[in-house]
Protein backbone atom coordinates (compact mmCIF):
# COMPACT_ATOMS: atom_id res chain seq x y z
CA MET A 1 -38.39 10.88 -25.56
CA GLN A 2 -36.19 8.04 -26.21
CA HIS A 3 -32.98 9.78 -24.60
CA ALA A 4 -35.61 10.12 -21.25
CA LYS A 5 -36.76 6.60 -21.52
CA ARG A 6 -32.74 5.52 -21.05
CA ASN A 7 -32.06 7.57 -18.10
CA PHE A 8 -35.03 6.59 -16.39
CA LYS A 9 -34.30 3.01 -17.09
CA ALA A 10 -30.67 3.54 -16.10
CA GLY A 11 -31.34 5.74 -12.98
CA TRP A 12 -33.83 2.70 -12.01
CA ALA A 13 -31.36 0.22 -12.72
CA GLN A 14 -28.57 2.15 -10.88
CA ALA A 15 -31.28 2.44 -7.57
CA VAL A 16 -31.85 -1.30 -7.78
CA MET A 17 -28.36 -1.77 -7.64
CA ILE A 18 -27.58 0.24 -4.99
CA GLY A 19 -30.58 -1.09 -2.82
CA LEU A 20 -29.54 -4.50 -2.99
CA LEU A 21 -25.52 -3.61 -2.09
CA SER A 22 -26.99 -1.74 0.76
CA VAL A 23 -28.97 -4.79 2.00
CA TYR A 24 -25.86 -7.00 1.00
CA SER A 25 -23.39 -4.85 3.42
CA ILE A 26 -26.14 -4.96 6.13
CA PHE A 27 -25.80 -8.88 6.08
CA CYS A 28 -22.17 -8.78 6.15
CA LEU A 29 -22.48 -6.89 9.57
CA ILE A 30 -24.66 -9.50 10.90
CA PRO A 31 -21.65 -12.12 12.22
CA PHE A 32 -19.64 -9.16 13.55
CA LEU A 33 -22.88 -7.89 15.26
CA MET A 34 -23.65 -11.63 16.85
CA VAL A 35 -19.92 -11.38 17.97
CA LEU A 36 -19.93 -8.26 19.60
CA SER A 37 -23.53 -9.57 21.16
CA GLY A 38 -22.00 -12.64 22.46
CA SER A 39 -18.96 -10.79 24.32
CA LEU A 40 -22.21 -8.91 26.09
CA SER A 41 -24.11 -12.08 27.01
CA THR A 42 -23.96 -14.57 29.60
CA GLU A 43 -22.73 -17.98 29.57
CA ALA A 44 -26.08 -19.37 30.31
CA ASP A 45 -27.89 -17.49 27.29
CA ILE A 46 -25.51 -18.68 24.92
CA SER A 47 -25.81 -22.02 26.30
CA LYS A 48 -29.50 -21.91 26.00
CA TYR A 49 -30.27 -19.87 23.55
CA GLY A 50 -27.19 -19.47 21.48
CA TYR A 51 -25.90 -16.44 19.74
CA ARG A 52 -28.03 -13.80 19.20
CA LEU A 53 -28.28 -10.20 17.44
CA LEU A 54 -28.93 -8.79 21.15
CA PRO A 55 -27.84 -9.58 23.80
CA LEU A 56 -30.60 -10.75 26.48
CA HIS A 57 -28.75 -9.88 29.77
CA PRO A 58 -25.72 -7.49 28.57
CA ASN A 59 -23.14 -7.53 30.82
CA LEU A 60 -19.44 -6.77 30.79
CA ASP A 61 -18.21 -10.06 32.50
CA ALA A 62 -15.96 -11.25 29.44
CA TYR A 63 -14.38 -7.76 29.19
CA HIS A 64 -13.87 -7.83 32.90
CA ILE A 65 -12.45 -11.07 32.87
CA LEU A 66 -10.06 -10.08 29.93
CA PHE A 67 -8.98 -6.56 31.25
CA LEU A 68 -7.86 -7.82 34.86
CA ALA A 69 -4.20 -7.42 33.86
CA ALA A 70 -5.01 -4.55 31.91
CA ASP A 71 -1.32 -3.69 31.91
CA ARG A 72 -0.27 -6.75 30.49
CA VAL A 73 -3.40 -6.18 27.49
CA ILE A 74 -1.74 -2.50 27.04
CA ASP A 75 1.91 -4.00 26.53
CA GLY A 76 0.86 -6.67 24.10
CA TYR A 77 -1.21 -3.90 22.22
CA LYS A 78 2.00 -1.80 21.86
CA ILE A 79 4.33 -5.04 21.12
CA SER A 80 1.74 -6.06 18.35
CA ILE A 81 1.82 -2.61 17.28
CA PHE A 82 5.30 -2.08 17.11
CA VAL A 83 5.43 -5.78 14.66
CA THR A 84 2.84 -4.91 12.48
CA VAL A 85 4.17 -1.65 11.59
CA ALA A 86 7.86 -2.46 11.67
CA GLY A 87 7.25 -5.86 9.79
CA THR A 88 5.12 -4.67 7.20
CA PHE A 89 7.48 -1.72 6.12
CA LEU A 90 10.52 -4.52 5.95
CA ALA A 91 8.56 -7.37 4.54
CA LEU A 92 7.05 -4.97 2.15
CA LEU A 93 10.76 -3.77 1.34
CA VAL A 94 12.12 -7.16 1.22
CA ASN A 95 9.58 -8.36 -0.94
CA TYR A 96 9.53 -5.63 -3.66
CA MET A 97 13.12 -5.81 -4.07
CA GLY A 98 12.91 -9.40 -4.69
CA GLY A 99 10.01 -9.32 -7.04
CA TYR A 100 11.68 -6.25 -8.53
CA ALA A 101 14.70 -8.39 -9.53
CA MET A 102 12.63 -11.30 -10.82
CA ALA A 103 10.60 -8.79 -12.74
CA ARG A 104 13.93 -7.45 -15.11
CA ARG A 105 14.64 -8.97 -18.09
CA THR A 106 18.22 -7.64 -17.65
CA LEU A 107 18.77 -10.08 -14.76
CA ARG A 108 20.94 -13.12 -15.51
CA TYR A 109 19.65 -15.23 -12.94
CA ARG A 110 16.40 -14.26 -12.16
CA ASN A 111 14.80 -17.55 -13.48
CA ALA A 112 17.12 -19.22 -11.38
CA LEU A 113 15.86 -17.10 -8.59
CA SER A 114 12.13 -17.35 -9.29
CA ILE A 115 12.93 -20.99 -9.57
CA TYR A 116 14.33 -20.69 -5.68
CA ALA A 117 11.51 -18.61 -4.52
CA LEU A 118 8.73 -21.18 -5.98
CA LEU A 119 10.55 -24.12 -4.07
CA THR A 120 9.99 -22.18 -0.68
CA LEU A 121 5.90 -22.53 -1.34
CA MET A 122 6.23 -26.43 -2.16
CA PHE A 123 8.85 -27.35 0.24
CA SER A 124 10.00 -26.58 3.64
CA GLY A 125 13.28 -27.37 5.61
CA GLY A 126 11.25 -28.31 9.04
CA LEU A 127 10.31 -27.16 11.95
CA VAL A 128 13.20 -28.49 13.85
CA PRO A 129 16.12 -26.74 11.23
CA TRP A 130 13.88 -23.71 11.38
CA TYR A 131 13.99 -23.39 15.45
CA ILE A 132 17.87 -24.02 15.17
CA VAL A 133 18.70 -21.73 12.74
CA CYS A 134 16.63 -18.87 14.53
CA VAL A 135 17.57 -19.50 17.91
CA ASN A 136 21.13 -20.94 17.85
CA TYR A 137 22.42 -18.75 14.83
CA LEU A 138 20.50 -15.97 14.30
CA HIS A 139 19.94 -15.50 18.18
CA LEU A 140 16.50 -14.46 18.24
CA LYS A 141 15.01 -15.81 21.41
CA ASP A 142 13.43 -13.56 23.61
CA SER A 143 13.76 -10.52 21.02
CA VAL A 144 11.11 -8.78 19.52
CA TRP A 145 12.93 -9.45 16.18
CA ALA A 146 11.70 -12.95 16.33
CA LEU A 147 8.54 -11.71 15.88
CA ILE A 148 9.39 -10.05 12.59
CA LEU A 149 12.01 -11.35 10.90
CA PRO A 150 11.31 -15.18 10.02
CA ALA A 151 8.52 -14.05 7.89
CA LEU A 152 10.01 -11.55 5.94
CA ALA A 153 10.00 -12.74 2.62
CA GLN A 154 7.17 -15.22 1.29
CA GLY A 155 7.28 -16.57 -2.37
CA PHE A 156 3.50 -15.93 -2.81
CA ASN A 157 3.95 -12.20 -2.43
CA LEU A 158 7.41 -12.17 -4.45
CA PHE A 159 5.31 -13.80 -7.30
CA LEU A 160 2.34 -11.33 -6.85
CA ILE A 161 4.97 -8.52 -7.06
CA ARG A 162 6.95 -9.74 -9.85
CA ASN A 163 3.68 -10.68 -12.17
CA PHE A 164 2.38 -6.99 -11.62
CA LEU A 165 5.71 -5.42 -12.45
CA GLN A 166 5.96 -7.76 -15.68
CA SER A 167 2.84 -6.21 -17.03
CA LEU A 168 4.46 -2.87 -16.77
CA PRO A 169 5.78 -1.27 -20.12
CA GLU A 170 9.34 -2.37 -20.89
CA GLU A 171 9.90 1.15 -22.55
CA LEU A 172 9.51 2.83 -18.81
CA PHE A 173 12.68 1.04 -17.47
CA GLU A 174 14.60 1.77 -21.07
CA SER A 175 13.49 5.25 -21.24
CA ALA A 176 14.88 5.59 -17.59
CA LYS A 177 17.66 4.22 -18.39
CA ILE A 178 18.62 6.38 -21.18
CA ASP A 179 17.85 9.61 -19.45
CA GLY A 180 20.47 8.40 -17.00
CA ALA A 181 18.64 6.99 -13.82
CA GLY A 182 20.12 4.26 -11.78
CA GLU A 183 18.44 0.72 -10.79
CA LEU A 184 17.74 1.94 -7.85
CA ARG A 185 16.06 5.35 -8.68
CA ILE A 186 14.10 3.26 -11.18
CA MET A 187 12.70 0.90 -8.29
CA PHE A 188 11.74 3.46 -5.81
CA THR A 189 10.91 7.03 -7.86
CA ILE A 190 9.28 5.46 -10.73
CA ILE A 191 8.17 2.00 -10.77
CA ALA A 192 7.27 1.88 -6.75
CA PRO A 193 4.33 4.72 -7.63
CA LEU A 194 3.04 2.97 -10.60
CA ALA A 195 3.15 -0.58 -8.28
CA THR A 196 0.69 1.21 -5.76
CA PRO A 197 -2.15 -1.26 -5.91
CA VAL A 198 -0.16 -4.62 -5.44
CA LEU A 199 2.14 -3.25 -2.86
CA ALA A 200 -1.35 -2.06 -1.20
CA THR A 201 -2.74 -5.41 -1.48
CA VAL A 202 0.84 -7.42 -0.20
CA GLY A 203 1.04 -4.67 2.35
CA LEU A 204 -2.54 -5.78 3.51
CA PHE A 205 -1.51 -9.47 3.59
CA ILE A 206 1.94 -8.76 5.40
CA ALA A 207 -0.02 -6.82 7.87
CA LEU A 208 -2.76 -9.03 8.51
CA ASN A 209 -0.11 -11.94 8.87
CA TYR A 210 1.71 -9.88 11.65
CA TRP A 211 -0.95 -8.54 13.45
CA ASN A 212 -2.85 -12.37 13.85
CA ASP A 213 0.46 -14.07 14.46
CA TRP A 214 0.79 -15.47 17.96
CA TYR A 215 2.78 -18.70 16.55
CA LEU A 216 6.36 -16.95 16.48
CA GLY A 217 5.77 -15.63 19.74
CA LEU A 218 4.85 -19.07 21.13
CA MET A 219 7.94 -20.36 19.66
CA PHE A 220 10.50 -17.70 20.79
CA ILE A 221 8.86 -15.51 23.46
CA ASP A 222 9.29 -16.56 27.05
CA ASP A 223 9.27 -13.25 28.74
CA GLN A 224 6.12 -11.85 29.13
CA SER A 225 6.76 -8.26 28.79
CA LEU A 226 7.42 -9.04 24.92
CA GLN A 227 4.61 -11.36 24.18
CA PRO A 228 2.27 -9.89 21.23
CA LEU A 229 -1.15 -9.55 22.00
CA GLN A 230 -2.88 -12.50 20.47
CA LEU A 231 -0.54 -14.93 22.42
CA MET A 232 -1.24 -13.21 25.71
CA LEU A 233 -4.94 -13.56 24.70
CA ARG A 234 -4.57 -16.78 23.70
CA THR A 235 -3.51 -17.80 26.87
CA ILE A 236 -6.06 -16.38 28.69
CA VAL A 237 -8.41 -18.11 26.76
CA SER A 238 -6.85 -21.39 27.37
CA ASN A 239 -6.65 -20.62 31.10
CA VAL A 240 -10.41 -19.97 31.15
CA GLU A 241 -10.84 -23.28 29.39
CA PHE A 242 -8.67 -24.71 31.80
CA LEU A 243 -10.79 -23.56 34.85
CA LYS A 244 -14.34 -24.68 33.09
CA ASN A 245 -13.00 -28.22 32.17
CA SER A 246 -10.55 -29.34 34.89
CA GLY A 247 -11.78 -28.34 38.16
CA ASN A 248 -12.51 -30.96 40.56
CA ALA A 249 -12.78 -29.30 43.89
CA ALA A 250 -16.39 -28.06 44.50
CA GLU A 251 -15.43 -24.56 45.17
CA MET A 252 -13.48 -24.49 41.80
CA GLN A 253 -16.26 -26.04 39.80
CA ARG A 254 -18.57 -23.60 41.22
CA VAL A 255 -16.52 -20.66 40.42
CA ALA A 256 -15.57 -22.28 36.81
CA ALA A 257 -19.32 -22.46 36.14
CA THR A 258 -19.79 -18.65 36.22
CA LEU A 259 -16.83 -18.18 34.15
CA PRO A 260 -18.46 -16.72 30.50
CA THR A 261 -16.00 -18.95 28.39
CA GLU A 262 -17.76 -18.44 24.82
CA GLY A 263 -18.21 -14.72 25.85
CA VAL A 264 -14.43 -14.77 26.53
CA LYS A 265 -13.86 -15.65 23.21
CA MET A 266 -15.86 -13.00 21.56
CA ALA A 267 -14.24 -10.51 23.88
CA VAL A 268 -11.08 -11.64 22.51
CA THR A 269 -12.44 -11.01 18.80
CA ILE A 270 -13.60 -7.64 19.22
CA VAL A 271 -10.31 -6.88 21.05
CA THR A 272 -7.78 -7.95 18.46
CA ILE A 273 -10.20 -6.79 15.41
CA GLY A 274 -10.28 -3.09 15.78
CA PRO A 275 -7.12 -1.87 14.57
CA ILE A 276 -7.43 -3.98 11.17
CA ILE A 277 -10.83 -2.63 10.44
CA PHE A 278 -9.05 0.74 10.60
CA LEU A 279 -6.90 -0.36 7.49
CA TYR A 280 -8.95 -2.02 5.36
CA PRO A 281 -10.47 1.52 4.32
CA PHE A 282 -6.94 2.66 3.34
CA VAL A 283 -6.41 0.08 0.98
CA GLN A 284 -9.78 -1.25 -0.49
CA ARG A 285 -9.73 0.83 -3.61
CA PHE A 286 -6.06 -0.80 -4.69
CA PHE A 287 -7.18 -4.22 -3.31
CA VAL A 288 -9.07 -5.81 -5.97
CA LYS A 289 -6.48 -4.18 -9.17
CA GLY A 290 -3.71 -5.38 -7.53
CA LEU A 291 -4.69 -8.76 -6.32
CA VAL A 292 -5.89 -9.44 -9.96
CA VAL A 293 -3.53 -8.07 -12.43
CA GLY A 294 -0.53 -9.69 -9.98
CA ALA A 295 -2.57 -12.96 -10.06
CA VAL A 296 -3.26 -13.17 -14.08
CA LYS A 297 0.10 -10.97 -15.48
CA GLY A 298 3.22 -12.76 -16.08
């Protein structure tokens, strides 16, 4: 009888928890729905009523303006997808190898390497020297690699991976050495599968950084065919804002008054957020474990 009561209480508690989490999940969707509604609303409705869950007078004017140059949007998507995929792979490889080296207790200068990585988090060489190195020495001007190489290694990711790897038993490395495995084989075939949580977490950080980045394109890319999606959409929003706020002639003011400025901003958000939404389900189960273990061990 007591066992049945405990099962009933446990089932009731589980049902309540599921209900609360379901309600919380619905509330988490509200900002996204309001952004979607804003992208479908008229400028007059947003100015008068603000953002709503459902648009009063739905229209696609914002998306029409956004896709006036559909070919450029598609090219921007291609560039951003290539930069995100290639950049995430290369940056994850570089950060993993650096973090692995810093975590190996047998590496003679690993403390000096850790201090060097720490200094990059505390100090910066400055914008002008960084630009000169990238353009004059690395010759990255108007190259797709200008969107990838400057962001390859980051101290935060190095330490996150290092701390996670330091939590692994040292006996793993020793037994692999006894069996005759080399350092590269240990790193990629034995340790890498165990480091999946932290690699997935860092990979998500890196992918988000590459996908959302427009600054590198602004600094190094003049060729419009090489502009990433975010920079191109930022240019569109800036042009719409310019027409909205600086029209002097009566006709320009009349046309600018009908431009869905806020709607274009919301439409840009919807267009850019799609691929990242599909990325989260694949790494979500590793995210918390990799972040917590990598942050507190050391």
